[in-house]
Amino acid sequence: MKFTTEDRALHDAAQRAFIRTFAQSAGGSIAPLAASSLVLSGGNLVSLGIAIGGATVTGAIAGLAAYLGMVGNGLPQAYAELALEDATRPRHAAEE
């Protein structure tokens, strides 16, 4: 299946939305959850692992929601010009 330039731009923007949202969600919740789990459990490493795992899963779910929202609603007008410009640029030397 060959993607059009618009499809490629949408897919690239949706991937960036996933990565950005995942990083923000996981990064903002790992430290507080890890610290509070260690304090409340008295240093139990199992609770630390559960807290970090939960923060990671939450970040992945938020990122997936951002990705699917971008794919479902289409490319926002604010991103359209830049994303289309980026999608037409070769990614590797072999594509030039």
PDB file of N, CA and C in Angstrom:
ATOM      1  N   MET A   1       0.842  -1.177   0.000  1.00  0.00           N
ATOM      2  CA  MET A   1       0.000   0.000   0.000  1.00  0.00           C
ATOM      3  C   MET A   1       0.885   1.236   0.000  1.00  0.00           C
ATOM      4  N   LYS A   2       0.635   2.122  -0.915  1.00  0.00           N
ATOM      5  CA  LYS A   2       1.422   3.344  -1.034  1.00  0.00           C
ATOM      6  C   LYS A   2       0.672   4.489  -0.367  1.00  0.00           C
ATOM      7  N   PHE A   3       1.351   5.174   0.520  1.00  0.00           N
ATOM      8  CA  PHE A   3       0.750   6.316   1.203  1.00  0.00           C
ATOM      9  C   PHE A   3       0.875   7.562   0.340  1.00  0.00           C
ATOM     10  N   THR A   4      -0.143   8.400   0.386  1.00  0.00           N
ATOM     11  CA  THR A   4      -0.043   9.702  -0.261  1.00  0.00           C
ATOM     12  C   THR A   4       0.730  10.636   0.661  1.00  0.00           C
ATOM     13  N   THR A   5       1.060  11.793   0.151  1.00  0.00           N
ATOM     14  CA  THR A   5       1.791  12.771   0.966  1.00  0.00           C
ATOM     15  C   THR A   5       0.967  13.192   2.175  1.00  0.00           C
ATOM     16  N   GLU A   6      -0.347  13.334   1.996  1.00  0.00           N
ATOM     17  CA  GLU A   6      -1.217  13.720   3.115  1.00  0.00           C
ATOM     18  C   GLU A   6      -1.284  12.617   4.162  1.00  0.00           C
ATOM     19  N   ASP A   7      -1.351  11.354   3.697  1.00  0.00           N
ATOM     20  CA  ASP A   7      -1.370  10.233   4.642  1.00  0.00           C
ATOM     21  C   ASP A   7      -0.070  10.165   5.435  1.00  0.00           C
ATOM     22  N   ARG A   8       1.030  10.366   4.753  1.00  0.00           N
ATOM     23  CA  ARG A   8       2.335  10.326   5.418  1.00  0.00           C
ATOM     24  C   ARG A   8       2.463  11.454   6.430  1.00  0.00           C
ATOM     25  N   ALA A   9       1.983  12.637   6.057  1.00  0.00           N
ATOM     26  CA  ALA A   9       2.035  13.779   6.976  1.00  0.00           C
ATOM     27  C   ALA A   9       1.183  13.514   8.209  1.00  0.00           C
ATOM     28  N   LEU A  10       0.004  12.944   8.007  1.00  0.00           N
ATOM     29  CA  LEU A  10      -0.875  12.632   9.134  1.00  0.00           C
ATOM     30  C   LEU A  10      -0.248  11.576  10.038  1.00  0.00           C
ATOM     31  N   HIS A  11       0.322  10.537   9.442  1.00  0.00           N
ATOM     32  CA  HIS A  11       0.950   9.476  10.221  1.00  0.00           C
ATOM     33  C   HIS A  11       2.145  10.010  11.010  1.00  0.00           C
ATOM     34  N   ASP A  12       2.978  10.837  10.376  1.00  0.00           N
ATOM     35  CA  ASP A  12       4.130  11.411  11.078  1.00  0.00           C
ATOM     36  C   ASP A  12       3.689  12.297  12.234  1.00  0.00           C
ATOM     37  N   ALA A  13       2.675  13.127  12.011  1.00  0.00           N
ATOM     38  CA  ALA A  13       2.175  14.002  13.076  1.00  0.00           C
ATOM     39  C   ALA A  13       1.554  13.187  14.211  1.00  0.00           C
ATOM     40  N   ALA A  14       0.850  12.111  13.868  1.00  0.00           N
ATOM     41  CA  ALA A  14       0.241  11.263  14.896  1.00  0.00           C
ATOM     42  C   ALA A  14       1.321  10.546  15.708  1.00  0.00           C
ATOM     43  N   GLN A  15       2.400  10.109  15.042  1.00  0.00           N
ATOM     44  CA  GLN A  15       3.504   9.489  15.778  1.00  0.00           C
ATOM     45  C   GLN A  15       4.131  10.481  16.752  1.00  0.00           C
ATOM     46  N   ARG A  16       4.334  11.712  16.291  1.00  0.00           N
ATOM     47  CA  ARG A  16       4.900  12.736  17.183  1.00  0.00           C
ATOM     48  C   ARG A  16       3.973  13.019  18.352  1.00  0.00           C
ATOM     49  N   ALA A  17       2.659  13.019  18.094  1.00  0.00           N
ATOM     50  CA  ALA A  17       1.684  13.242  19.169  1.00  0.00           C
ATOM     51  C   ALA A  17       1.761  12.120  20.195  1.00  0.00           C
ATOM     52  N   PHE A  18       1.922  10.872  19.732  1.00  0.00           N
ATOM     53  CA  PHE A  18       2.053   9.746  20.655  1.00  0.00           C
ATOM     54  C   PHE A  18       3.299   9.907  21.515  1.00  0.00           C
ATOM     55  N   ILE A  19       4.422  10.156  20.880  1.00  0.00           N
ATOM     56  CA  ILE A  19       5.698  10.256  21.611  1.00  0.00           C
ATOM     57  C   ILE A  19       5.661  11.404  22.603  1.00  0.00           C
ATOM     58  N   ARG A  20       5.168  12.559  22.159  1.00  0.00           N
ATOM     59  CA  ARG A  20       5.126  13.736  23.040  1.00  0.00           C
ATOM     60  C   ARG A  20       4.205  13.490  24.237  1.00  0.00           C
ATOM     61  N   THR A  21       3.015  12.946  23.975  1.00  0.00           N
ATOM     62  CA  THR A  21       2.060  12.722  25.054  1.00  0.00           C
ATOM     63  C   THR A  21       2.543  11.640  26.008  1.00  0.00           C
ATOM     64  N   PHE A  22       3.129  10.567  25.461  1.00  0.00           N
ATOM     65  CA  PHE A  22       3.676   9.511  26.310  1.00  0.00           C
ATOM     66  C   PHE A  22       4.774  10.060  27.217  1.00  0.00           C
ATOM     67  N   ALA A  23       5.687  10.825  26.640  1.00  0.00           N
ATOM     68  CA  ALA A  23       6.795  11.369  27.425  1.00  0.00           C
ATOM     69  C   ALA A  23       6.302  12.316  28.511  1.00  0.00           C
ATOM     70  N   GLN A  24       5.343  13.163  28.169  1.00  0.00           N
ATOM     71  CA  GLN A  24       4.824  14.099  29.167  1.00  0.00           C
ATOM     72  C   GLN A  24       4.083  13.369  30.283  1.00  0.00           C
ATOM     73  N   SER A  25       3.275  12.409  29.919  1.00  0.00           N
ATOM     74  CA  SER A  25       2.487  11.688  30.926  1.00  0.00           C
ATOM     75  C   SER A  25       3.378  10.821  31.812  1.00  0.00           C
ATOM     76  N   ALA A  26       4.240  10.044  31.200  1.00  0.00           N
ATOM     77  CA  ALA A  26       5.114   9.165  31.988  1.00  0.00           C
ATOM     78  C   ALA A  26       6.123   9.984  32.788  1.00  0.00           C
ATOM     79  N   GLY A  27       6.707  10.981  32.159  1.00  0.00           N
ATOM     80  CA  GLY A  27       7.704  11.803  32.848  1.00  0.00           C
ATOM     81  C   GLY A  27       7.141  12.575  34.023  1.00  0.00           C
ATOM     82  N   GLY A  28       5.899  12.988  33.887  1.00  0.00           N
ATOM     83  CA  GLY A  28       5.274  13.743  34.967  1.00  0.00           C
ATOM     84  C   GLY A  28       4.753  12.891  36.104  1.00  0.00           C
ATOM     85  N   SER A  29       4.620  11.592  35.865  1.00  0.00           N
ATOM     86  CA  SER A  29       4.035  10.760  36.914  1.00  0.00           C
ATOM     87  C   SER A  29       4.990   9.737  37.517  1.00  0.00           C
ATOM     88  N   ILE A  30       6.078   9.409  36.843  1.00  0.00           N
ATOM     89  CA  ILE A  30       6.979   8.388  37.383  1.00  0.00           C
ATOM     90  C   ILE A  30       7.626   8.830  38.693  1.00  0.00           C
ATOM     91  N   ALA A  31       8.206  10.012  38.711  1.00  0.00           N
ATOM     92  CA  ALA A  31       8.914  10.457  39.920  1.00  0.00           C
ATOM     93  C   ALA A  31       7.988  10.579  41.134  1.00  0.00           C
ATOM     94  N   PRO A  32       6.839  11.265  41.028  1.00  0.00           N
ATOM     95  CA  PRO A  32       5.976  11.356  42.205  1.00  0.00           C
ATOM     96  C   PRO A  32       5.431   9.999  42.667  1.00  0.00           C
ATOM     97  N   LEU A  33       5.057   9.141  41.700  1.00  0.00           N
ATOM     98  CA  LEU A  33       4.540   7.829  42.094  1.00  0.00           C
ATOM     99  C   LEU A  33       5.630   6.966  42.717  1.00  0.00           C
ATOM    100  N   ALA A  34       6.836   7.029  42.161  1.00  0.00           N
ATOM    101  CA  ALA A  34       7.939   6.240  42.719  1.00  0.00           C
ATOM    102  C   ALA A  34       8.286   6.717  44.125  1.00  0.00           C
ATOM    103  N   ALA A  35       8.375   8.026  44.301  1.00  0.00           N
ATOM    104  CA  ALA A  35       8.720   8.565  45.618  1.00  0.00           C
ATOM    105  C   ALA A  35       7.643   8.230  46.651  1.00  0.00           C
ATOM    106  N   SER A  36       6.392   8.415  46.281  1.00  0.00           N
ATOM    107  CA  SER A  36       5.331   8.147  47.252  1.00  0.00           C
ATOM    108  C   SER A  36       5.209   6.657  47.546  1.00  0.00           C
ATOM    109  N   SER A  37       5.456   5.799  46.556  1.00  0.00           N
ATOM    110  CA  SER A  37       5.378   4.360  46.831  1.00  0.00           C
ATOM    111  C   SER A  37       6.498   3.919  47.759  1.00  0.00           C
ATOM    112  N   LEU A  38       7.687   4.496  47.592  1.00  0.00           N
ATOM    113  CA  LEU A  38       8.796   4.135  48.488  1.00  0.00           C
ATOM    114  C   LEU A  38       8.541   4.616  49.909  1.00  0.00           C
ATOM    115  N   VAL A  39       8.002   5.821  50.035  1.00  0.00           N
ATOM    116  CA  VAL A  39       7.738   6.370  51.371  1.00  0.00           C
ATOM    117  C   VAL A  39       6.611   5.593  52.060  1.00  0.00           C
ATOM    118  N   LEU A  40       5.537   5.341  51.338  1.00  0.00           N
ATOM    119  CA  LEU A  40       4.380   4.694  51.948  1.00  0.00           C
ATOM    120  C   LEU A  40       4.590   3.212  52.214  1.00  0.00           C
ATOM    121  N   SER A  41       5.447   2.567  51.428  1.00  0.00           N
ATOM    122  CA  SER A  41       5.656   1.126  51.625  1.00  0.00           C
ATOM    123  C   SER A  41       6.898   0.826  52.445  1.00  0.00           C
ATOM    124  N   GLY A  42       7.634   1.827  52.823  1.00  0.00           N
ATOM    125  CA  GLY A  42       8.836   1.619  53.620  1.00  0.00           C
ATOM    126  C   GLY A  42      10.003   1.083  52.808  1.00  0.00           C
ATOM    127  N   GLY A  43      10.042   1.415  51.527  1.00  0.00           N
ATOM    128  CA  GLY A  43      11.173   1.006  50.696  1.00  0.00           C
ATOM    129  C   GLY A  43      10.984  -0.312  49.977  1.00  0.00           C
ATOM    130  N   ASN A  44       9.772  -0.789  49.885  1.00  0.00           N
ATOM    131  CA  ASN A  44       9.491  -2.043  49.194  1.00  0.00           C
ATOM    132  C   ASN A  44       9.680  -1.853  47.686  1.00  0.00           C
ATOM    133  N   LEU A  45      10.579  -2.632  47.096  1.00  0.00           N
ATOM    134  CA  LEU A  45      10.895  -2.475  45.682  1.00  0.00           C
ATOM    135  C   LEU A  45       9.784  -2.999  44.776  1.00  0.00           C
ATOM    136  N   VAL A  46       8.969  -3.917  45.271  1.00  0.00           N
ATOM    137  CA  VAL A  46       7.851  -4.401  44.472  1.00  0.00           C
ATOM    138  C   VAL A  46       6.854  -3.269  44.231  1.00  0.00           C
ATOM    139  N   SER A  47       6.568  -2.492  45.268  1.00  0.00           N
ATOM    140  CA  SER A  47       5.642  -1.366  45.099  1.00  0.00           C
ATOM    141  C   SER A  47       6.246  -0.307  44.185  1.00  0.00           C
ATOM    142  N   LEU A  48       7.567  -0.160  44.225  1.00  0.00           N
ATOM    143  CA  LEU A  48       8.230   0.773  43.310  1.00  0.00           C
ATOM    144  C   LEU A  48       8.051   0.307  41.870  1.00  0.00           C
ATOM    145  N   GLY A  49       8.228  -0.977  41.615  1.00  0.00           N
ATOM    146  CA  GLY A  49       8.045  -1.522  40.273  1.00  0.00           C
ATOM    147  C   GLY A  49       6.619  -1.372  39.781  1.00  0.00           C
ATOM    148  N   ILE A  50       5.666  -1.594  40.680  1.00  0.00           N
ATOM    149  CA  ILE A  50       4.262  -1.435  40.311  1.00  0.00           C
ATOM    150  C   ILE A  50       3.959   0.023  39.979  1.00  0.00           C
ATOM    151  N   ALA A  51       4.504   0.943  40.764  1.00  0.00           N
ATOM    152  CA  ALA A  51       4.269   2.372  40.509  1.00  0.00           C
ATOM    153  C   ALA A  51       4.870   2.800  39.171  1.00  0.00           C
ATOM    154  N   ILE A  52       6.088   2.361  38.879  1.00  0.00           N
ATOM    155  CA  ILE A  52       6.727   2.725  37.608  1.00  0.00           C
ATOM    156  C   ILE A  52       5.997   2.061  36.445  1.00  0.00           C
ATOM    157  N   GLY A  53       5.595   0.808  36.621  1.00  0.00           N
ATOM    158  CA  GLY A  53       4.828   0.122  35.581  1.00  0.00           C
ATOM    159  C   GLY A  53       3.492   0.792  35.322  1.00  0.00           C
ATOM    160  N   GLY A  54       2.821   1.190  36.379  1.00  0.00           N
ATOM    161  CA  GLY A  54       1.542   1.882  36.225  1.00  0.00           C
ATOM    162  C   GLY A  54       1.692   3.216  35.519  1.00  0.00           C
ATOM    163  N   ALA A  55       2.737   3.956  35.851  1.00  0.00           N
ATOM    164  CA  ALA A  55       2.979   5.235  35.186  1.00  0.00           C
ATOM    165  C   ALA A  55       3.302   5.029  33.713  1.00  0.00           C
ATOM    166  N   THR A  56       4.039   3.979  33.406  1.00  0.00           N
ATOM    167  CA  THR A  56       4.388   3.691  32.019  1.00  0.00           C
ATOM    168  C   THR A  56       3.160   3.282  31.214  1.00  0.00           C
ATOM    169  N   VAL A  57       2.327   2.431  31.793  1.00  0.00           N
ATOM    170  CA  VAL A  57       1.103   2.013  31.105  1.00  0.00           C
ATOM    171  C   VAL A  57       0.167   3.206  30.914  1.00  0.00           C
ATOM    172  N   THR A  58       0.062   4.055  31.918  1.00  0.00           N
ATOM    173  CA  THR A  58      -0.773   5.245  31.801  1.00  0.00           C
ATOM    174  C   THR A  58      -0.263   6.150  30.681  1.00  0.00           C
ATOM    175  N   GLY A  59       1.049   6.315  30.603  1.00  0.00           N
ATOM    176  CA  GLY A  59       1.629   7.114  29.525  1.00  0.00           C
ATOM    177  C   GLY A  59       1.358   6.515  28.164  1.00  0.00           C
ATOM    178  N   ALA A  60       1.451   5.199  28.055  1.00  0.00           N
ATOM    179  CA  ALA A  60       1.186   4.535  26.776  1.00  0.00           C
ATOM    180  C   ALA A  60      -0.279   4.693  26.367  1.00  0.00           C
ATOM    181  N   ILE A  61      -1.186   4.596  27.325  1.00  0.00           N
ATOM    182  CA  ILE A  61      -2.611   4.769  27.014  1.00  0.00           C
ATOM    183  C   ILE A  61      -2.886   6.205  26.581  1.00  0.00           C
ATOM    184  N   ALA A  62      -2.289   7.171  27.272  1.00  0.00           N
ATOM    185  CA  ALA A  62      -2.470   8.574  26.887  1.00  0.00           C
ATOM    186  C   ALA A  62      -1.886   8.834  25.501  1.00  0.00           C
ATOM    187  N   GLY A  63      -0.717   8.260  25.221  1.00  0.00           N
ATOM    188  CA  GLY A  63      -0.106   8.418  23.908  1.00  0.00           C
ATOM    189  C   GLY A  63      -0.943   7.793  22.808  1.00  0.00           C
ATOM    190  N   LEU A  64      -1.506   6.609  23.079  1.00  0.00           N
ATOM    191  CA  LEU A  64      -2.366   5.948  22.105  1.00  0.00           C
ATOM    192  C   LEU A  64      -3.622   6.783  21.845  1.00  0.00           C
ATOM    193  N   ALA A  65      -4.165   7.377  22.892  1.00  0.00           N
ATOM    194  CA  ALA A  65      -5.333   8.241  22.718  1.00  0.00           C
ATOM    195  C   ALA A  65      -4.988   9.447  21.855  1.00  0.00           C
ATOM    196  N   ALA A  66      -3.799  10.025  22.052  1.00  0.00           N
ATOM    197  CA  ALA A  66      -3.379  11.159  21.232  1.00  0.00           C
ATOM    198  C   ALA A  66      -3.189  10.732  19.778  1.00  0.00           C
ATOM    199  N   TYR A  67      -2.582   9.568  19.572  1.00  0.00           N
ATOM    200  CA  TYR A  67      -2.361   9.051  18.217  1.00  0.00           C
ATOM    201  C   TYR A  67      -3.690   8.815  17.502  1.00  0.00           C
ATOM    202  N   LEU A  68      -4.594   8.089  18.173  1.00  0.00           N
ATOM    203  CA  LEU A  68      -5.877   7.784  17.555  1.00  0.00           C
ATOM    204  C   LEU A  68      -6.734   9.030  17.362  1.00  0.00           C
ATOM    205  N   GLY A  69      -6.621   9.978  18.280  1.00  0.00           N
ATOM    206  CA  GLY A  69      -7.341  11.235  18.115  1.00  0.00           C
ATOM    207  C   GLY A  69      -6.869  12.002  16.898  1.00  0.00           C
ATOM    208  N   MET A  70      -5.571  11.997  16.670  1.00  0.00           N
ATOM    209  CA  MET A  70      -5.013  12.682  15.506  1.00  0.00           C
ATOM    210  C   MET A  70      -5.431  11.970  14.225  1.00  0.00           C
ATOM    211  N   VAL A  71      -5.378  10.641  14.215  1.00  0.00           N
ATOM    212  CA  VAL A  71      -5.764   9.881  13.027  1.00  0.00           C
ATOM    213  C   VAL A  71      -7.263  10.023  12.766  1.00  0.00           C
ATOM    214  N   GLY A  72      -8.063   9.959  13.812  1.00  0.00           N
ATOM    215  CA  GLY A  72      -9.513  10.027  13.656  1.00  0.00           C
ATOM    216  C   GLY A  72     -10.028  11.391  13.259  1.00  0.00           C
ATOM    217  N   ASN A  73      -9.430  12.443  13.808  1.00  0.00           N
ATOM    218  CA  ASN A  73      -9.911  13.797  13.543  1.00  0.00           C
ATOM    219  C   ASN A  73      -9.191  14.473  12.396  1.00  0.00           C
ATOM    220  N   GLY A  74      -8.136  13.860  11.907  1.00  0.00           N
ATOM    221  CA  GLY A  74      -7.372  14.464  10.819  1.00  0.00           C
ATOM    222  C   GLY A  74      -6.314  15.415  11.352  1.00  0.00           C
ATOM    223  N   LEU A  75      -5.540  15.890  10.432  1.00  0.00           N
ATOM    224  CA  LEU A  75      -4.434  16.775  10.769  1.00  0.00           C
ATOM    225  C   LEU A  75      -4.952  18.172  11.090  1.00  0.00           C
ATOM    226  N   PRO A  76      -4.658  18.699  12.285  1.00  0.00           N
ATOM    227  CA  PRO A  76      -5.100  20.058  12.608  1.00  0.00           C
ATOM    228  C   PRO A  76      -4.487  21.070  11.637  1.00  0.00           C
ATOM    229  N   GLN A  77      -5.231  22.103  11.336  1.00  0.00           N
ATOM    230  CA  GLN A  77      -4.781  23.102  10.362  1.00  0.00           C
ATOM    231  C   GLN A  77      -3.457  23.741  10.772  1.00  0.00           C
ATOM    232  N   ALA A  78      -3.243  23.898  12.077  1.00  0.00           N
ATOM    233  CA  ALA A  78      -2.003  24.514  12.551  1.00  0.00           C
ATOM    234  C   ALA A  78      -0.777  23.681  12.189  1.00  0.00           C
ATOM    235  N   TYR A  79      -0.947  22.360  12.097  1.00  0.00           N
ATOM    236  CA  TYR A  79       0.171  21.472  11.772  1.00  0.00           C
ATOM    237  C   TYR A  79       0.263  21.156  10.288  1.00  0.00           C
ATOM    238  N   ALA A  80      -0.788  21.409   9.542  1.00  0.00           N
ATOM    239  CA  ALA A  80      -0.895  20.897   8.181  1.00  0.00           C
ATOM    240  C   ALA A  80       0.252  21.337   7.285  1.00  0.00           C
ATOM    241  N   GLU A  81       0.547  22.626   7.240  1.00  0.00           N
ATOM    242  CA  GLU A  81       1.579  23.105   6.323  1.00  0.00           C
ATOM    243  C   GLU A  81       2.952  22.538   6.670  1.00  0.00           C
ATOM    244  N   LEU A  82       3.314  22.585   7.925  1.00  0.00           N
ATOM    245  CA  LEU A  82       4.616  22.072   8.349  1.00  0.00           C
ATOM    246  C   LEU A  82       4.706  20.563   8.150  1.00  0.00           C
ATOM    247  N   ALA A  83       3.650  19.851   8.467  1.00  0.00           N
ATOM    248  CA  ALA A  83       3.661  18.393   8.324  1.00  0.00           C
ATOM    249  C   ALA A  83       3.747  17.978   6.858  1.00  0.00           C
ATOM    250  N   LEU A  84       3.030  18.679   5.993  1.00  0.00           N
ATOM    251  CA  LEU A  84       3.104  18.356   4.561  1.00  0.00           C
ATOM    252  C   LEU A  84       4.480  18.661   4.002  1.00  0.00           C
ATOM    253  N   GLU A  85       5.067  19.747   4.456  1.00  0.00           N
ATOM    254  CA  GLU A  85       6.421  20.106   4.034  1.00  0.00           C
ATOM    255  C   GLU A  85       7.420  19.035   4.475  1.00  0.00           C
ATOM    256  N   ASP A  86       7.280  18.581   5.701  1.00  0.00           N
ATOM    257  CA  ASP A  86       8.172  17.562   6.245  1.00  0.00           C
ATOM    258  C   ASP A  86       7.972  16.217   5.552  1.00  0.00           C
ATOM    259  N   ALA A  87       6.737  15.904   5.181  1.00  0.00           N
ATOM    260  CA  ALA A  87       6.440  14.615   4.550  1.00  0.00           C
ATOM    261  C   ALA A  87       7.013  14.513   3.140  1.00  0.00           C
ATOM    262  N   THR A  88       7.199  15.628   2.480  1.00  0.00           N
ATOM    263  CA  THR A  88       7.733  15.589   1.120  1.00  0.00           C
ATOM    264  C   THR A  88       9.249  15.578   1.098  1.00  0.00           C
ATOM    265  N   ARG A  89       9.880  15.848   2.218  1.00  0.00           N
ATOM    266  CA  ARG A  89      11.333  15.846   2.308  1.00  0.00           C
ATOM    267  C   ARG A  89      11.855  14.416   2.375  1.00  0.00           C
ATOM    268  N   PRO A  90      12.914  14.066   1.623  1.00  0.00           N
ATOM    269  CA  PRO A  90      13.466  12.714   1.698  1.00  0.00           C
ATOM    270  C   PRO A  90      14.002  12.406   3.093  1.00  0.00           C
ATOM    271  N   ARG A  91      13.832  11.154   3.528  1.00  0.00           N
ATOM    272  CA  ARG A  91      14.275  10.766   4.849  1.00  0.00           C
ATOM    273  C   ARG A  91      15.673  10.161   4.832  1.00  0.00           C
ATOM    274  N   HIS A  92      16.042   9.555   3.736  1.00  0.00           N
ATOM    275  CA  HIS A  92      17.337   8.878   3.642  1.00  0.00           C
ATOM    276  C   HIS A  92      18.015   9.313   2.355  1.00  0.00           C
ATOM    277  N   ALA A  93      19.305   9.166   2.315  1.00  0.00           N
ATOM    278  CA  ALA A  93      20.062   9.539   1.134  1.00  0.00           C
ATOM    279  C   ALA A  93      19.614   8.734  -0.094  1.00  0.00           C
ATOM    280  N   ALA A  94      19.164   7.495   0.116  1.00  0.00           N
ATOM    281  CA  ALA A  94      18.733   6.646  -0.996  1.00  0.00           C
ATOM    282  C   ALA A  94      17.437   7.157  -1.640  1.00  0.00           C
ATOM    283  N   GLU A  95      16.648   7.959  -0.925  1.00  0.00           N
ATOM    284  CA  GLU A  95      15.384   8.457  -1.458  1.00  0.00           C
ATOM    285  C   GLU A  95      15.567   9.700  -2.309  1.00  0.00           C
ATOM    286  N   GLU A  96      16.739  10.295  -2.273  1.00  0.00           N
ATOM    287  CA  GLU A  96      16.955  11.541  -3.014  1.00  0.00           C
ATOM    288  C   GLU A  96      17.071  11.286  -4.493  1.00  0.00           C
TER     289      GLU A  96
END
